[in-house]
Protein backbone atom coordinates (compact mmCIF):
# COMPACT_ATOMS: atom_id res chain seq x y z
CA MET A 1 20.39 10.57 -2.89
CA SER A 2 17.59 12.77 -1.64
CA THR A 3 17.57 14.37 1.70
CA PHE A 4 14.55 12.42 2.66
CA ARG A 5 16.35 9.15 2.21
CA LYS A 6 19.40 10.28 4.11
CA SER A 7 17.34 11.43 7.02
CA GLN A 8 15.35 8.19 7.05
CA ASN A 9 18.46 6.07 6.99
CA SER A 10 19.82 7.92 10.06
CA ALA A 11 16.51 7.80 11.99
CA SER A 12 16.32 6.16 15.29
CA PRO A 13 14.79 2.63 15.69
CA GLY A 14 11.69 4.14 17.22
CA LYS A 15 11.02 6.36 14.17
CA LEU A 16 11.76 3.39 11.83
CA SER A 17 9.17 1.32 13.82
CA VAL A 18 6.59 4.05 13.39
CA ILE A 19 7.26 4.46 9.57
CA LEU A 20 7.10 0.62 9.09
CA SER A 21 3.86 0.42 11.17
CA THR A 22 2.20 3.20 9.19
CA LEU A 23 3.18 1.49 5.84
CA ILE A 24 1.90 -1.80 6.89
CA PHE A 25 -1.36 -0.36 8.03
CA VAL A 26 -1.87 1.54 4.81
CA GLN A 27 -1.07 -1.44 2.80
CA ILE A 28 -3.59 -3.61 4.84
CA LEU A 29 -6.23 -1.00 4.20
CA ASN A 30 -5.28 -0.86 0.49
CA VAL A 31 -5.58 -4.65 0.09
CA SER A 32 -8.88 -4.69 2.06
CA ILE A 33 -10.40 -2.11 -0.16
CA GLN A 34 -9.13 -4.16 -3.26
CA ILE A 35 -10.72 -7.35 -1.83
CA TRP A 36 -13.95 -5.50 -1.38
CA LEU A 37 -13.82 -4.17 -4.98
CA LEU A 38 -13.19 -7.76 -6.26
CA TYR A 39 -16.14 -9.05 -4.19
CA THR A 40 -18.43 -6.25 -5.48
CA ALA A 41 -17.41 -6.71 -9.11
CA LEU A 42 -17.75 -10.49 -8.91
CA ASN A 43 -21.11 -10.24 -7.19
CA ASN A 44 -22.43 -7.86 -9.80
CA ALA A 45 -20.96 -9.94 -12.62
CA LEU A 46 -22.83 -12.97 -11.49
CA ASP A 47 -26.07 -10.93 -11.36
CA ASN A 48 -25.43 -9.89 -14.99
CA ASN A 49 -24.86 -6.36 -13.90
CA THR A 50 -21.79 -5.31 -15.77
CA GLU A 51 -21.75 -1.57 -15.37
CA ILE A 52 -19.66 -1.76 -12.13
CA LEU A 53 -16.93 -3.92 -13.63
CA ILE A 54 -14.89 -1.15 -15.44
CA PRO A 55 -15.00 1.35 -12.51
CA ALA A 56 -13.99 -1.35 -10.03
CA PHE A 57 -11.13 -2.30 -12.28
CA ILE A 58 -9.98 1.30 -12.65
CA ALA A 59 -10.20 1.80 -8.96
CA SER A 60 -8.25 -1.41 -8.19
CA VAL A 61 -5.50 -0.30 -10.64
CA VAL A 62 -5.26 3.10 -8.96
CA LEU A 63 -4.96 1.51 -5.47
CA PHE A 64 -2.28 -0.83 -6.88
CA PHE A 65 -0.21 2.09 -7.99
CA ILE A 66 -0.72 3.96 -4.75
CA GLY A 67 0.53 0.92 -2.82
CA PHE A 68 3.37 0.53 -5.29
CA GLY A 69 4.25 4.15 -4.64
CA TRP A 70 4.36 3.61 -0.91
CA LEU A 71 7.41 1.44 -1.44
CA TYR A 72 9.57 4.53 -1.92
CA TYR A 73 8.99 5.33 1.81
CA LEU A 74 10.37 1.95 3.05
CA PRO A 75 13.52 2.41 5.07
CA SER A 76 16.62 0.66 3.89
CA GLY A 77 17.05 -2.99 4.95
CA ASN A 78 20.12 -2.22 7.25
CA PHE A 79 18.57 -3.04 10.68
CA THR A 80 21.58 -4.92 12.06
CA ARG A 81 23.18 -1.68 13.44
CA TYR A 82 20.34 -1.55 16.01
CA LYS A 83 21.01 -4.93 17.60
């Protein structure tokens, strides 16, 4: 187990709250950008403007993998010790 994970699991509830709030904010931003990319791609596809479709798809896939990579930073699910 890495040093990062050990220190994260022993963090105080306040630090865990900050970590989770940051992760949630980044994921909401990520999904918002992906929705905007979908809207742009569909709008251009309906106008027979197909040159934006591939770049929008590639950007959406990159954002998906960035969001998937953020899962590493989630704290472990053992929050019962703080109650």
